[in-house]
Amino acid sequence: MSRSLDVVEVIARALADKPEAVRVTERQHRGQTLVELFMAPGDLGRVIGRQGRTAAAMRTLVNATADIEGTKATLEFRDEQ
């Protein structure tokens, strides 16, 4: 488990109305780490934020924590169906 995954999980649970529905996975894709954030459909818009500002900030934090570990990472937002 990487720092990027931990950062995303803490932030998403803090912002979500249903923190128990938050699920964060991590896998390797094309030579970099792909962090996927799954949330309840109503919470996803809240985490993305107005004009995507919160999402952009979370992606910046993921990149920064991955850089500390000497890797590359991206963050994807997914609806929990």
Protein backbone atom coordinates (compact mmCIF):
# COMPACT_ATOMS: atom_id res chain seq x y z
CA MET A 1 0.00 0.00 0.00
CA SER A 2 1.44 3.33 -1.03
CA ARG A 3 1.28 6.78 0.48
CA SER A 4 -0.78 7.96 -2.49
CA LEU A 5 -3.51 5.46 -1.68
CA ASP A 6 -3.51 6.52 1.98
CA VAL A 7 -3.76 10.22 1.10
CA VAL A 8 -6.68 9.66 -1.28
CA GLU A 9 -8.55 7.49 1.22
CA VAL A 10 -8.22 9.98 4.09
CA ILE A 11 -9.36 12.94 1.98
CA ALA A 12 -12.24 11.06 0.33
CA ARG A 13 -13.58 9.74 3.65
CA ALA A 14 -13.44 13.25 5.15
CA LEU A 15 -15.44 14.73 2.26
CA ALA A 16 -17.98 11.93 1.77
CA ASP A 17 -21.47 11.78 3.24
CA LYS A 18 -21.14 7.99 3.23
CA PRO A 19 -17.50 7.35 4.24
CA GLU A 20 -18.17 3.61 4.58
CA ALA A 21 -18.81 3.45 0.81
CA VAL A 22 -15.36 4.83 -0.05
CA ARG A 23 -13.05 2.26 -1.62
CA VAL A 24 -9.57 2.96 -2.97
CA THR A 25 -7.65 0.46 -5.08
CA GLU A 26 -4.20 0.54 -6.58
CA ARG A 27 -2.75 -1.30 -9.54
CA GLN A 28 0.06 -1.02 -12.06
CA HIS A 29 -0.87 0.25 -15.51
CA ARG A 30 1.58 1.10 -18.30
CA GLY A 31 4.52 1.45 -15.96
CA GLN A 32 2.86 3.66 -13.39
CA THR A 33 0.55 3.28 -10.43
CA LEU A 34 -3.15 3.80 -11.06
CA VAL A 35 -5.09 4.80 -7.93
CA GLU A 36 -8.85 4.37 -8.37
CA LEU A 37 -11.33 6.02 -6.04
CA PHE A 38 -14.79 4.42 -5.86
CA MET A 39 -17.57 6.32 -4.10
CA ALA A 40 -21.33 6.43 -3.83
CA PRO A 41 -22.77 8.31 -6.85
CA GLY A 42 -23.97 11.27 -4.76
CA ASP A 43 -20.61 11.68 -3.07
CA LEU A 44 -18.56 11.62 -6.24
CA GLY A 45 -19.70 15.09 -7.33
CA ARG A 46 -18.91 16.45 -3.92
CA VAL A 47 -15.35 15.10 -4.04
CA ILE A 48 -14.75 16.33 -7.59
CA GLY A 49 -15.80 19.81 -6.48
CA ARG A 50 -16.71 22.95 -8.34
CA GLN A 51 -15.01 23.09 -11.71
CA GLY A 52 -12.95 20.08 -10.64
CA ARG A 53 -10.80 22.02 -8.20
CA THR A 54 -10.91 19.42 -5.43
CA ALA A 55 -10.16 16.65 -7.93
CA ALA A 56 -7.22 18.63 -9.32
CA ALA A 57 -5.88 19.19 -5.80
CA MET A 58 -6.18 15.48 -5.01
CA ARG A 59 -4.35 14.59 -8.24
CA THR A 60 -1.59 17.03 -7.30
CA LEU A 61 -1.23 15.36 -3.89
CA VAL A 62 -1.12 11.91 -5.51
CA ASN A 63 1.63 13.06 -7.88
CA ALA A 64 3.58 14.65 -5.02
CA THR A 65 3.41 11.57 -2.80
CA ALA A 66 4.35 9.29 -5.70
CA ASP A 67 7.29 11.56 -6.49
CA ILE A 68 8.49 11.21 -2.89
CA GLU A 69 8.45 7.43 -3.38
CA GLY A 70 10.27 7.77 -6.70
CA THR A 71 7.33 6.53 -8.80
CA LYS A 72 4.60 7.96 -11.02
CA ALA A 73 0.91 7.76 -10.20
CA THR A 74 -2.45 8.91 -11.54
CA LEU A 75 -5.82 9.19 -9.85
CA GLU A 76 -9.10 8.11 -11.44
CA PHE A 77 -12.58 8.74 -10.00
CA ARG A 78 -15.19 5.99 -10.40
CA ASP A 79 -18.88 5.65 -9.51
CA GLU A 80 -19.80 2.71 -7.31
CA GLN A 81 -22.59 1.01 -9.25
